[in-house]
Amino acid sequence: MGIDDSCRAMGLRLALLVIAAFLLRDAASVKIQAYFNETAELPCQFVNSQNLNLTDLVVFWQNQERMVLYEAYKGKYKPEHVNVNYIGRTSFDQDNWILRLHGIQIKDQGLYQCFIHHMKNPGGMVRVHQNNCELSVLAHFSKPEIVLTSNITRYSTINVTCSSKQGYPKPLKMFFQLVTENSTSDHHGNMMVSQDNVTKLFNLSLSLSVPIPAGEVNVTIFCILKTESMELSSSLLLYRDPMDPLPDTHQVTWIAIAIICGITLGCGIGVYLKRCRNKKQQQFVIAYKETTKPEGEDNEEMGEREKIHIQESKDEEILCDIHSAKIPSNDQSATHL
């Protein structure tokens, strides 16, 4: 075999070794998730079968950029070796060999490695364990908020906008759904996405003109947001047929005034009629008394006076009846008279 063949064979072996190393690394990586602003647990997965003492070990975690998150040297924390971005953000659970990373941010996602070295005399250090984990960060989007952006007209369209904020990663889709008594239809549009420069969280919005099905009186419209882990839906909006609107404030005011006026008029008529009845009764009582014969009065004079009072009473009764006749026929007081 020549020199060229040997070089090619060596290069092939090196390439295979590199590929194998990457495959093994990916296979050994533990997938973990954490929520924004909460705590992630980075496992080391070390089985201390030799019952090694922590005072004989050097334990540390580093990220994919080789920045040290935490280091324990012979059982003591070494903050001088820790990157400034992780000072005060970690806590080590030595019973379970877990490093807790607090206040998770979007920029914290990525690959992390745990290393354990055994200190051997004289002054030597031997790696006894290594573990990789891959962290992904999630942030729940706010509940979608749906807003009407124009007036509703009969048999036209509903112009709506839907928005949701502070989520991660990007959602799968966002769309409107119309539900009527007879059908359900989905309406898609171009979702606008913006990202906060500091938090790296996403804000979403979707605007659309949705046609109202002809002949439908009520339409329920939803805004639906689908992510990898869940589905969020907006509050429903009820579309009311504009041909049968609810009375506005001015209509309610005029109706109330009309009712009050009607009640006042009815009470006034009732009082007037009651006075007429009382007056007739008084006239009859006076007529009766005056028809009784006093001492020294002859029958002829008494009869003439009785006729006068009876005629006055009849005239008063006719006048009250005339006034009562002016009252509409549906008035209860006039009917009784």
C-alpha atoms as a PDB file:
ATOM      1  CA  MET A   1       0.000   0.000   0.000  1.00  0.00           C
ATOM      2  CA  GLY A   2       1.404   3.403  -1.013  1.00  0.00           C
ATOM      3  CA  ILE A   3       1.619   6.582   1.006  1.00  0.00           C
ATOM      4  CA  ASP A   4      -1.418   8.057  -0.736  1.00  0.00           C
ATOM      5  CA  ASP A   5      -3.528   5.017   0.076  1.00  0.00           C
ATOM      6  CA  SER A   6      -2.455   5.174   3.711  1.00  0.00           C
ATOM      7  CA  CYS A   7      -3.400   8.847   3.926  1.00  0.00           C
ATOM      8  CA  ARG A   8      -6.797   8.211   2.393  1.00  0.00           C
ATOM      9  CA  ALA A   9      -7.464   5.335   4.785  1.00  0.00           C
ATOM     10  CA  MET A  10      -6.440   7.434   7.782  1.00  0.00           C
ATOM     11  CA  GLY A  11      -8.623  10.314   6.640  1.00  0.00           C
ATOM     12  CA  LEU A  12     -11.602   7.986   6.243  1.00  0.00           C
ATOM     13  CA  ARG A  13     -11.092   6.573   9.743  1.00  0.00           C
ATOM     14  CA  LEU A  14     -10.909  10.085  11.222  1.00  0.00           C
ATOM     15  CA  ALA A  15     -14.098  11.116   9.432  1.00  0.00           C
ATOM     16  CA  LEU A  16     -15.902   8.039  10.732  1.00  0.00           C
ATOM     17  CA  LEU A  17     -14.678   8.758  14.250  1.00  0.00           C
ATOM     18  CA  VAL A  18     -15.936  12.343  14.081  1.00  0.00           C
ATOM     19  CA  ILE A  19     -19.341  11.212  12.782  1.00  0.00           C
ATOM     20  CA  ALA A  20     -19.566   8.557  15.472  1.00  0.00           C
ATOM     21  CA  ALA A  21     -18.667  11.106  18.146  1.00  0.00           C
ATOM     22  CA  PHE A  22     -21.487  13.418  17.025  1.00  0.00           C
ATOM     23  CA  LEU A  23     -23.963  10.545  16.888  1.00  0.00           C
ATOM     24  CA  LEU A  24     -22.992   9.380  20.356  1.00  0.00           C
ATOM     25  CA  ARG A  25     -23.248  12.897  21.695  1.00  0.00           C
ATOM     26  CA  ASP A  26     -26.748  13.338  20.305  1.00  0.00           C
ATOM     27  CA  ALA A  27     -27.812   9.918  21.534  1.00  0.00           C
ATOM     28  CA  ALA A  28     -26.501  10.642  25.023  1.00  0.00           C
ATOM     29  CA  SER A  29     -28.062  14.117  25.238  1.00  0.00           C
ATOM     30  CA  VAL A  30     -31.010  14.417  27.574  1.00  0.00           C
ATOM     31  CA  LYS A  31     -33.859  16.598  26.305  1.00  0.00           C
ATOM     32  CA  ILE A  32     -35.228  18.885  28.989  1.00  0.00           C
ATOM     33  CA  GLN A  33     -37.683  21.781  28.954  1.00  0.00           C
ATOM     34  CA  ALA A  34     -38.144  24.785  31.214  1.00  0.00           C
ATOM     35  CA  TYR A  35     -40.547  27.706  31.284  1.00  0.00           C
ATOM     36  CA  PHE A  36     -39.547  31.323  30.904  1.00  0.00           C
ATOM     37  CA  ASN A  37     -38.519  32.983  34.204  1.00  0.00           C
ATOM     38  CA  GLU A  38     -38.709  29.653  36.054  1.00  0.00           C
ATOM     39  CA  THR A  39     -36.097  27.001  36.964  1.00  0.00           C
ATOM     40  CA  ALA A  40     -34.419  24.369  34.801  1.00  0.00           C
ATOM     41  CA  GLU A  41     -32.862  21.191  36.200  1.00  0.00           C
ATOM     42  CA  LEU A  42     -29.659  20.187  34.396  1.00  0.00           C
ATOM     43  CA  PRO A  43     -28.964  16.522  35.246  1.00  0.00           C
ATOM     44  CA  CYS A  44     -25.495  15.040  35.477  1.00  0.00           C
ATOM     45  CA  GLN A  45     -26.806  11.456  35.751  1.00  0.00           C
ATOM     46  CA  PHE A  46     -23.749  10.320  37.699  1.00  0.00           C
ATOM     47  CA  VAL A  47     -23.947   6.888  39.349  1.00  0.00           C
ATOM     48  CA  ASN A  48     -21.390   6.958  42.138  1.00  0.00           C
ATOM     49  CA  SER A  49     -20.780   3.227  42.126  1.00  0.00           C
ATOM     50  CA  GLN A  50     -17.296   3.631  43.685  1.00  0.00           C
ATOM     51  CA  ASN A  51     -18.759   5.760  46.499  1.00  0.00           C
ATOM     52  CA  LEU A  52     -16.345   8.602  45.779  1.00  0.00           C
ATOM     53  CA  ASN A  53     -16.266  11.456  48.261  1.00  0.00           C
ATOM     54  CA  LEU A  54     -17.158  14.919  46.977  1.00  0.00           C
ATOM     55  CA  THR A  55     -13.960  16.242  48.573  1.00  0.00           C
ATOM     56  CA  ASP A  56     -12.006  14.123  46.092  1.00  0.00           C
ATOM     57  CA  LEU A  57     -13.853  15.412  43.035  1.00  0.00           C
ATOM     58  CA  VAL A  58     -14.029  18.421  40.743  1.00  0.00           C
ATOM     59  CA  VAL A  59     -17.589  18.917  39.425  1.00  0.00           C
ATOM     60  CA  PHE A  60     -18.606  21.614  36.949  1.00  0.00           C
ATOM     61  CA  TRP A  61     -21.181  22.471  34.256  1.00  0.00           C
ATOM     62  CA  GLN A  62     -20.541  24.478  31.119  1.00  0.00           C
ATOM     63  CA  ASN A  63     -22.703  25.644  28.204  1.00  0.00           C
ATOM     64  CA  GLN A  64     -22.114  25.136  24.500  1.00  0.00           C
ATOM     65  CA  GLU A  65     -19.859  28.204  24.456  1.00  0.00           C
ATOM     66  CA  ARG A  66     -17.739  26.704  27.267  1.00  0.00           C
ATOM     67  CA  MET A  67     -18.913  29.265  29.788  1.00  0.00           C
ATOM     68  CA  VAL A  68     -18.829  27.738  33.291  1.00  0.00           C
ATOM     69  CA  LEU A  69     -22.170  27.791  35.118  1.00  0.00           C
ATOM     70  CA  TYR A  70     -20.991  26.170  38.347  1.00  0.00           C
ATOM     71  CA  GLU A  71     -17.861  24.568  39.788  1.00  0.00           C
ATOM     72  CA  ALA A  72     -17.300  22.635  42.999  1.00  0.00           C
ATOM     73  CA  TYR A  73     -13.610  22.036  43.686  1.00  0.00           C
ATOM     74  CA  LYS A  74     -13.065  19.366  46.334  1.00  0.00           C
ATOM     75  CA  GLY A  75     -16.567  20.006  47.684  1.00  0.00           C
ATOM     76  CA  LYS A  76     -16.291  23.842  47.740  1.00  0.00           C
ATOM     77  CA  TYR A  77     -17.995  26.308  45.411  1.00  0.00           C
ATOM     78  CA  LYS A  78     -15.514  28.270  43.232  1.00  0.00           C
ATOM     79  CA  PRO A  79     -17.310  31.463  42.069  1.00  0.00           C
ATOM     80  CA  GLU A  80     -14.116  32.886  40.573  1.00  0.00           C
ATOM     81  CA  HIS A  81     -14.323  30.250  37.826  1.00  0.00           C
ATOM     82  CA  VAL A  82     -18.003  30.948  37.041  1.00  0.00           C
ATOM     83  CA  ASN A  83     -19.070  33.163  34.143  1.00  0.00           C
ATOM     84  CA  VAL A  84     -20.619  36.457  35.222  1.00  0.00           C
ATOM     85  CA  ASN A  85     -23.898  35.596  33.442  1.00  0.00           C
ATOM     86  CA  TYR A  86     -24.484  32.723  35.872  1.00  0.00           C
ATOM     87  CA  ILE A  87     -23.337  34.209  39.188  1.00  0.00           C
ATOM     88  CA  GLY A  88     -26.145  33.805  41.733  1.00  0.00           C
ATOM     89  CA  ARG A  89     -28.360  31.870  39.323  1.00  0.00           C
ATOM     90  CA  THR A  90     -27.439  28.260  40.191  1.00  0.00           C
ATOM     91  CA  SER A  91     -27.811  25.790  43.049  1.00  0.00           C
ATOM     92  CA  PHE A  92     -26.259  22.319  43.226  1.00  0.00           C
ATOM     93  CA  ASP A  93     -28.176  19.293  44.510  1.00  0.00           C
ATOM     94  CA  GLN A  94     -25.312  16.969  45.430  1.00  0.00           C
ATOM     95  CA  ASP A  95     -27.618  14.121  46.481  1.00  0.00           C
ATOM     96  CA  ASN A  96     -29.092  13.857  42.973  1.00  0.00           C
ATOM     97  CA  TRP A  97     -26.199  15.388  40.994  1.00  0.00           C
ATOM     98  CA  ILE A  98     -28.478  18.074  39.528  1.00  0.00           C
ATOM     99  CA  LEU A  99     -27.668  21.699  38.799  1.00  0.00           C
ATOM    100  CA  ARG A 100     -30.667  24.037  39.027  1.00  0.00           C
ATOM    101  CA  LEU A 101     -30.534  27.108  36.793  1.00  0.00           C
ATOM    102  CA  HIS A 102     -32.925  29.822  37.998  1.00  0.00           C
ATOM    103  CA  GLY A 103     -34.618  32.679  36.138  1.00  0.00           C
ATOM    104  CA  ILE A 104     -34.563  30.937  32.767  1.00  0.00           C
ATOM    105  CA  GLN A 105     -34.383  33.219  29.719  1.00  0.00           C
ATOM    106  CA  ILE A 106     -34.832  32.423  26.036  1.00  0.00           C
ATOM    107  CA  LYS A 107     -31.089  32.880  25.493  1.00  0.00           C
ATOM    108  CA  ASP A 108     -30.407  30.066  28.001  1.00  0.00           C
ATOM    109  CA  GLN A 109     -31.632  27.343  25.681  1.00  0.00           C
ATOM    110  CA  GLY A 110     -28.977  25.118  24.137  1.00  0.00           C
ATOM    111  CA  LEU A 111     -26.513  22.349  25.011  1.00  0.00           C
ATOM    112  CA  TYR A 112     -25.051  21.909  28.531  1.00  0.00           C
ATOM    113  CA  GLN A 113     -22.359  19.528  29.729  1.00  0.00           C
ATOM    114  CA  CYS A 114     -21.576  18.134  33.157  1.00  0.00           C
ATOM    115  CA  PHE A 115     -18.024  16.958  33.973  1.00  0.00           C
ATOM    116  CA  ILE A 116     -16.768  15.034  37.001  1.00  0.00           C
ATOM    117  CA  HIS A 117     -13.040  14.548  37.597  1.00  0.00           C
ATOM    118  CA  HIS A 118     -11.425  12.475  40.305  1.00  0.00           C
ATOM    119  CA  MET A 119      -8.371  13.958  42.034  1.00  0.00           C
ATOM    120  CA  LYS A 120      -5.706  11.268  42.297  1.00  0.00           C
ATOM    121  CA  ASN A 121      -2.396  11.460  44.088  1.00  0.00           C
ATOM    122  CA  PRO A 122      -0.010  12.888  43.350  1.00  0.00           C
ATOM    123  CA  GLY A 123      -1.982  15.860  41.941  1.00  0.00           C
ATOM    124  CA  GLY A 124      -3.424  14.042  38.942  1.00  0.00           C
ATOM    125  CA  MET A 125      -6.977  14.445  37.642  1.00  0.00           C
ATOM    126  CA  VAL A 126      -8.958  11.745  35.838  1.00  0.00           C
ATOM    127  CA  ARG A 127     -12.333  12.248  34.171  1.00  0.00           C
ATOM    128  CA  VAL A 128     -14.792   9.747  35.557  1.00  0.00           C
ATOM    129  CA  HIS A 129     -18.064  11.048  34.074  1.00  0.00           C
ATOM    130  CA  GLN A 130     -19.544  13.319  31.399  1.00  0.00           C
ATOM    131  CA  ASN A 131     -23.187  14.012  30.546  1.00  0.00           C
ATOM    132  CA  ASN A 132     -24.881  16.211  27.924  1.00  0.00           C
ATOM    133  CA  CYS A 133     -28.331  17.757  28.117  1.00  0.00           C
ATOM    134  CA  GLU A 134     -30.195  19.982  25.687  1.00  0.00           C
ATOM    135  CA  LEU A 135     -32.425  22.684  27.134  1.00  0.00           C
ATOM    136  CA  SER A 136     -35.405  24.204  25.332  1.00  0.00           C
ATOM    137  CA  VAL A 137     -37.394  27.129  26.749  1.00  0.00           C
ATOM    138  CA  LEU A 138     -41.147  27.655  26.568  1.00  0.00           C
ATOM    139  CA  ALA A 139     -43.307  30.694  27.277  1.00  0.00           C
ATOM    140  CA  HIS A 140     -47.104  30.587  27.280  1.00  0.00           C
ATOM    141  CA  PHE A 141     -48.795  33.042  24.945  1.00  0.00           C
ATOM    142  CA  SER A 142     -51.488  35.228  26.466  1.00  0.00           C
ATOM    143  CA  LYS A 143     -55.108  34.320  25.761  1.00  0.00           C
ATOM    144  CA  PRO A 144     -55.977  35.671  22.301  1.00  0.00           C
ATOM    145  CA  GLU A 145     -57.943  38.903  22.358  1.00  0.00           C
ATOM    146  CA  ILE A 146     -60.416  39.537  19.563  1.00  0.00           C
ATOM    147  CA  VAL A 147     -61.650  43.051  18.718  1.00  0.00           C
ATOM    148  CA  LEU A 148     -64.134  44.422  16.174  1.00  0.00           C
ATOM    149  CA  THR A 149     -62.485  47.171  14.117  1.00  0.00           C
ATOM    150  CA  SER A 150     -65.522  48.453  12.182  1.00  0.00           C
ATOM    151  CA  ASN A 151     -69.298  48.696  12.404  1.00  0.00           C
ATOM    152  CA  ILE A 152     -71.398  45.685  11.500  1.00  0.00           C
ATOM    153  CA  THR A 153     -73.814  45.980   8.590  1.00  0.00           C
ATOM    154  CA  ARG A 154     -76.434  43.462   7.568  1.00  0.00           C
ATOM    155  CA  TYR A 155     -75.158  40.749   5.196  1.00  0.00           C
ATOM    156  CA  SER A 156     -71.694  42.313   4.817  1.00  0.00           C
ATOM    157  CA  THR A 157     -68.463  41.466   6.662  1.00  0.00           C
ATOM    158  CA  ILE A 158     -67.034  41.524  10.162  1.00  0.00           C
ATOM    159  CA  ASN A 159     -63.655  43.290  10.339  1.00  0.00           C
ATOM    160  CA  VAL A 160     -61.777  41.773  13.268  1.00  0.00           C
ATOM    161  CA  THR A 161     -58.292  41.799  14.768  1.00  0.00           C
ATOM    162  CA  CYS A 162     -56.852  39.153  17.095  1.00  0.00           C
ATOM    163  CA  SER A 163     -53.675  39.495  19.174  1.00  0.00           C
ATOM    164  CA  SER A 164     -51.621  37.406  21.597  1.00  0.00           C
ATOM    165  CA  LYS A 165     -48.424  38.351  23.435  1.00  0.00           C
ATOM    166  CA  GLN A 166     -45.241  37.170  25.154  1.00  0.00           C
ATOM    167  CA  GLY A 167     -44.936  33.596  23.911  1.00  0.00           C
ATOM    168  CA  TYR A 168     -42.197  31.251  22.693  1.00  0.00           C
ATOM    169  CA  PRO A 169     -41.517  29.528  20.323  1.00  0.00           C
ATOM    170  CA  LYS A 170     -43.499  30.669  17.294  1.00  0.00           C
ATOM    171  CA  PRO A 171     -46.966  29.096  17.148  1.00  0.00           C
ATOM    172  CA  LEU A 172     -48.052  26.649  14.483  1.00  0.00           C
ATOM    173  CA  LYS A 173     -50.965  28.800  13.283  1.00  0.00           C
ATOM    174  CA  MET A 174     -53.519  31.428  14.182  1.00  0.00           C
ATOM    175  CA  PHE A 175     -56.959  31.732  12.560  1.00  0.00           C
ATOM    176  CA  PHE A 176     -60.595  32.814  12.949  1.00  0.00           C
ATOM    177  CA  GLN A 177     -63.531  30.436  13.216  1.00  0.00           C
ATOM    178  CA  LEU A 178     -67.177  31.325  12.561  1.00  0.00           C
ATOM    179  CA  VAL A 179     -69.868  29.184  14.146  1.00  0.00           C
ATOM    180  CA  THR A 180     -73.558  29.532  13.252  1.00  0.00           C
ATOM    181  CA  GLU A 181     -76.607  27.346  13.800  1.00  0.00           C
ATOM    182  CA  ASN A 182     -76.035  25.761  10.397  1.00  0.00           C
ATOM    183  CA  SER A 183     -72.268  25.779   9.758  1.00  0.00           C
ATOM    184  CA  THR A 184     -68.695  26.141  11.038  1.00  0.00           C
ATOM    185  CA  SER A 185     -65.996  27.699   8.866  1.00  0.00           C
ATOM    186  CA  ASP A 186     -62.291  28.548   9.348  1.00  0.00           C
ATOM    187  CA  HIS A 187     -60.732  31.733   7.978  1.00  0.00           C
ATOM    188  CA  HIS A 188     -56.953  32.114   7.684  1.00  0.00           C
ATOM    189  CA  GLY A 189     -54.848  35.189   7.022  1.00  0.00           C
ATOM    190  CA  ASN A 190     -51.282  36.477   7.278  1.00  0.00           C
ATOM    191  CA  MET A 191     -50.142  36.317  10.902  1.00  0.00           C
ATOM    192  CA  MET A 192     -47.931  39.267  11.864  1.00  0.00           C
ATOM    193  CA  VAL A 193     -45.046  38.296  14.165  1.00  0.00           C
ATOM    194  CA  SER A 194     -42.738  40.598  16.118  1.00  0.00           C
ATOM    195  CA  GLN A 195     -40.012  39.711  18.625  1.00  0.00           C
ATOM    196  CA  ASP A 196     -38.954  41.627  21.723  1.00  0.00           C
ATOM    197  CA  ASN A 197     -35.307  42.678  21.469  1.00  0.00           C
ATOM    198  CA  VAL A 198     -34.630  41.974  25.156  1.00  0.00           C
ATOM    199  CA  THR A 199     -36.746  38.972  26.156  1.00  0.00           C
ATOM    200  CA  LYS A 200     -36.871  37.430  22.644  1.00  0.00           C
ATOM    201  CA  LEU A 201     -40.537  36.609  23.217  1.00  0.00           C
ATOM    202  CA  PHE A 202     -42.980  36.800  20.296  1.00  0.00           C
ATOM    203  CA  ASN A 203     -46.054  39.017  19.883  1.00  0.00           C
ATOM    204  CA  LEU A 204     -48.715  38.041  17.329  1.00  0.00           C
ATOM    205  CA  SER A 205     -51.580  39.737  15.512  1.00  0.00           C
ATOM    206  CA  LEU A 206     -54.023  38.722  12.799  1.00  0.00           C
ATOM    207  CA  SER A 207     -56.513  40.976  10.973  1.00  0.00           C
ATOM    208  CA  LEU A 208     -59.198  39.750   8.624  1.00  0.00           C
ATOM    209  CA  SER A 209     -62.502  40.675   6.984  1.00  0.00           C
ATOM    210  CA  VAL A 210     -64.784  37.730   7.644  1.00  0.00           C
ATOM    211  CA  PRO A 211     -67.993  37.452   5.574  1.00  0.00           C
ATOM    212  CA  ILE A 212     -71.245  37.044   7.456  1.00  0.00           C
ATOM    213  CA  PRO A 213     -73.312  34.123   6.122  1.00  0.00           C
ATOM    214  CA  ALA A 214     -76.520  35.399   4.498  1.00  0.00           C
ATOM    215  CA  GLY A 215     -79.668  34.854   6.515  1.00  0.00           C
ATOM    216  CA  GLU A 216     -77.890  34.198   9.822  1.00  0.00           C
ATOM    217  CA  VAL A 217     -79.136  36.197  12.781  1.00  0.00           C
ATOM    218  CA  ASN A 218     -76.416  35.276  15.283  1.00  0.00           C
ATOM    219  CA  VAL A 219     -72.785  34.410  14.547  1.00  0.00           C
ATOM    220  CA  THR A 220     -70.189  33.349  17.114  1.00  0.00           C
ATOM    221  CA  ILE A 221     -66.622  34.185  16.137  1.00  0.00           C
ATOM    222  CA  PHE A 222     -63.490  32.731  17.742  1.00  0.00           C
ATOM    223  CA  CYS A 223     -59.776  33.456  17.408  1.00  0.00           C
ATOM    224  CA  ILE A 224     -57.745  30.242  17.782  1.00  0.00           C
ATOM    225  CA  LEU A 225     -53.996  29.993  18.427  1.00  0.00           C
ATOM    226  CA  LYS A 226     -52.267  26.619  18.126  1.00  0.00           C
ATOM    227  CA  THR A 227     -48.796  25.931  19.533  1.00  0.00           C
ATOM    228  CA  GLU A 228     -46.783  22.732  19.790  1.00  0.00           C
ATOM    229  CA  SER A 229     -48.068  22.048  23.292  1.00  0.00           C
ATOM    230  CA  MET A 230     -51.579  23.533  23.459  1.00  0.00           C
ATOM    231  CA  GLU A 231     -54.480  25.310  21.793  1.00  0.00           C
ATOM    232  CA  LEU A 232     -55.737  28.697  22.993  1.00  0.00           C
ATOM    233  CA  SER A 233     -59.053  30.281  22.063  1.00  0.00           C
ATOM    234  CA  SER A 234     -60.439  33.783  22.434  1.00  0.00           C
ATOM    235  CA  SER A 235     -63.627  34.808  24.138  1.00  0.00           C
ATOM    236  CA  LEU A 236     -66.585  34.621  21.787  1.00  0.00           C
ATOM    237  CA  LEU A 237     -68.262  37.644  20.271  1.00  0.00           C
ATOM    238  CA  LEU A 238     -71.994  37.516  19.594  1.00  0.00           C
ATOM    239  CA  TYR A 239     -73.164  39.118  16.352  1.00  0.00           C
ATOM    240  CA  ARG A 240     -76.689  40.506  16.675  1.00  0.00           C
ATOM    241  CA  ASP A 241     -78.852  41.140  13.634  1.00  0.00           C
ATOM    242  CA  PRO A 242     -78.749  44.943  13.086  1.00  0.00           C
ATOM    243  CA  MET A 243     -82.361  44.845  11.807  1.00  0.00           C
ATOM    244  CA  ASP A 244     -83.443  44.034  15.355  1.00  0.00           C
ATOM    245  CA  PRO A 245     -81.088  46.122  17.495  1.00  0.00           C
ATOM    246  CA  LEU A 246     -81.299  46.576  21.195  1.00  0.00           C
ATOM    247  CA  PRO A 247     -82.704  50.036  22.173  1.00  0.00           C
ATOM    248  CA  ASP A 248     -80.047  52.656  22.704  1.00  0.00           C
ATOM    249  CA  THR A 249     -79.866  55.081  25.631  1.00  0.00           C
ATOM    250  CA  HIS A 250     -81.986  57.763  23.947  1.00  0.00           C
ATOM    251  CA  GLN A 251     -84.740  55.285  23.109  1.00  0.00           C
ATOM    252  CA  VAL A 252     -84.834  54.031  26.685  1.00  0.00           C
ATOM    253  CA  THR A 253     -85.074  57.626  27.950  1.00  0.00           C
ATOM    254  CA  TRP A 254     -88.033  58.512  25.693  1.00  0.00           C
ATOM    255  CA  ILE A 255     -89.830  55.285  26.581  1.00  0.00           C
ATOM    256  CA  ALA A 256     -89.441  56.068  30.292  1.00  0.00           C
ATOM    257  CA  ILE A 257     -90.766  59.619  29.786  1.00  0.00           C
ATOM    258  CA  ALA A 258     -93.796  58.293  27.862  1.00  0.00           C
ATOM    259  CA  ILE A 259     -94.594  55.810  30.622  1.00  0.00           C
ATOM    260  CA  ILE A 260     -94.348  58.485  33.325  1.00  0.00           C
ATOM    261  CA  CYS A 261     -96.569  60.855  31.355  1.00  0.00           C
ATOM    262  CA  GLY A 262     -99.155  58.116  30.811  1.00  0.00           C
ATOM    263  CA  ILE A 263     -99.223  57.271  34.503  1.00  0.00           C
ATOM    264  CA  THR A 264     -99.536  60.965  35.474  1.00  0.00           C
ATOM    265  CA  LEU A 265    -102.397  61.544  32.996  1.00  0.00           C
ATOM    266  CA  GLY A 266    -104.231  58.452  34.184  1.00  0.00           C
ATOM    267  CA  CYS A 267    -103.903  59.513  37.818  1.00  0.00           C
ATOM    268  CA  GLY A 268    -105.209  63.022  36.994  1.00  0.00           C
ATOM    269  CA  ILE A 269    -108.267  61.662  35.183  1.00  0.00           C
ATOM    270  CA  GLY A 270    -108.959  59.262  38.022  1.00  0.00           C
ATOM    271  CA  VAL A 271    -108.848  62.084  40.606  1.00  0.00           C
ATOM    272  CA  TYR A 272    -111.178  64.224  38.498  1.00  0.00           C
ATOM    273  CA  LEU A 273    -113.728  61.432  38.124  1.00  0.00           C
ATOM    274  CA  LYS A 274    -113.605  60.681  41.835  1.00  0.00           C
ATOM    275  CA  ARG A 275    -114.356  64.320  42.614  1.00  0.00           C
ATOM    276  CA  CYS A 276    -117.345  64.203  40.254  1.00  0.00           C
ATOM    277  CA  ARG A 277    -118.734  61.138  42.001  1.00  0.00           C
ATOM    278  CA  ASN A 278    -118.225  62.688  45.448  1.00  0.00           C
ATOM    279  CA  LYS A 279    -119.949  65.888  44.360  1.00  0.00           C
ATOM    280  CA  LYS A 280    -122.964  63.985  43.042  1.00  0.00           C
ATOM    281  CA  GLN A 281    -123.265  62.118  46.306  1.00  0.00           C
ATOM    282  CA  GLN A 282    -123.146  65.386  48.259  1.00  0.00           C
ATOM    283  CA  GLN A 283    -125.836  66.889  46.029  1.00  0.00           C
ATOM    284  CA  PHE A 284    -128.115  63.907  46.573  1.00  0.00           C
ATOM    285  CA  VAL A 285    -127.594  64.113  50.366  1.00  0.00           C
ATOM    286  CA  ILE A 286    -128.432  67.855  50.367  1.00  0.00           C
ATOM    287  CA  ALA A 287    -131.496  67.222  48.220  1.00  0.00           C
ATOM    288  CA  TYR A 288    -132.660  64.518  50.542  1.00  0.00           C
ATOM    289  CA  LYS A 289    -132.259  66.689  53.628  1.00  0.00           C
ATOM    290  CA  GLU A 290    -134.015  69.615  52.087  1.00  0.00           C
ATOM    291  CA  THR A 291    -136.936  67.457  51.005  1.00  0.00           C
ATOM    292  CA  THR A 292    -137.601  66.656  54.650  1.00  0.00           C
ATOM    293  CA  LYS A 293    -140.385  68.942  55.899  1.00  0.00           C
ATOM    294  CA  PRO A 294    -139.257  71.455  58.533  1.00  0.00           C
ATOM    295  CA  GLU A 295    -141.620  72.931  61.191  1.00  0.00           C
ATOM    296  CA  GLY A 296    -143.988  75.660  59.927  1.00  0.00           C
ATOM    297  CA  GLU A 297    -143.294  74.907  56.249  1.00  0.00           C
ATOM    298  CA  ASP A 298    -146.165  73.935  54.042  1.00  0.00           C
ATOM    299  CA  ASN A 299    -146.135  71.018  51.658  1.00  0.00           C
ATOM    300  CA  GLU A 300    -146.298  73.134  48.547  1.00  0.00           C
ATOM    301  CA  GLU A 301    -143.094  75.075  49.290  1.00  0.00           C
ATOM    302  CA  MET A 302    -141.289  71.842  50.255  1.00  0.00           C
ATOM    303  CA  GLY A 303    -142.243  70.167  46.993  1.00  0.00           C
ATOM    304  CA  GLU A 304    -141.003  73.082  44.894  1.00  0.00           C
ATOM    305  CA  ARG A 305    -137.618  73.120  46.677  1.00  0.00           C
ATOM    306  CA  GLU A 306    -137.286  69.366  46.232  1.00  0.00           C
ATOM    307  CA  LYS A 307    -137.859  69.701  42.485  1.00  0.00           C
ATOM    308  CA  ILE A 308    -135.142  72.384  42.200  1.00  0.00           C
ATOM    309  CA  HIS A 309    -132.517  70.292  44.022  1.00  0.00           C
ATOM    310  CA  ILE A 310    -133.355  67.162  42.089  1.00  0.00           C
ATOM    311  CA  GLN A 311    -132.964  69.059  38.806  1.00  0.00           C
ATOM    312  CA  GLU A 312    -129.575  70.501  39.900  1.00  0.00           C
ATOM    313  CA  SER A 313    -128.374  67.026  40.796  1.00  0.00           C
ATOM    314  CA  LYS A 314    -129.440  65.679  37.422  1.00  0.00           C
ATOM    315  CA  ASP A 315    -127.664  68.536  35.642  1.00  0.00           C
ATOM    316  CA  GLU A 316    -124.443  67.862  37.583  1.00  0.00           C
ATOM    317  CA  GLU A 317    -124.671  64.166  36.783  1.00  0.00           C
ATOM    318  CA  ILE A 318    -125.103  64.885  33.063  1.00  0.00           C
ATOM    319  CA  LEU A 319    -122.047  67.220  33.144  1.00  0.00           C
ATOM    320  CA  CYS A 320    -119.864  64.534  34.754  1.00  0.00           C
ATOM    321  CA  ASP A 321    -121.056  62.023  32.162  1.00  0.00           C
ATOM    322  CA  ILE A 322    -120.125  64.437  29.387  1.00  0.00           C
ATOM    323  CA  HIS A 323    -116.592  64.811  30.820  1.00  0.00           C
ATOM    324  CA  SER A 324    -116.330  61.072  31.211  1.00  0.00           C
ATOM    325  CA  ALA A 325    -117.223  60.569  27.579  1.00  0.00           C
ATOM    326  CA  LYS A 326    -113.999  62.386  26.577  1.00  0.00           C
ATOM    327  CA  ILE A 327    -111.919  59.611  28.129  1.00  0.00           C
ATOM    328  CA  PRO A 328    -110.796  56.874  25.696  1.00  0.00           C
ATOM    329  CA  SER A 329    -112.885  53.742  25.746  1.00  0.00           C
ATOM    330  CA  ASN A 330    -109.970  51.616  27.015  1.00  0.00           C
ATOM    331  CA  ASP A 331    -109.686  53.676  30.225  1.00  0.00           C
ATOM    332  CA  GLN A 332    -110.897  51.551  33.133  1.00  0.00           C
ATOM    333  CA  SER A 333    -112.247  54.499  35.201  1.00  0.00           C
ATOM    334  CA  ALA A 334    -114.472  55.736  32.347  1.00  0.00           C
ATOM    335  CA  THR A 335    -115.832  52.236  31.734  1.00  0.00           C
ATOM    336  CA  HIS A 336    -116.977  51.876  35.321  1.00  0.00           C
ATOM    337  CA  LEU A 337    -118.781  55.178  35.103  1.00  0.00           C
END
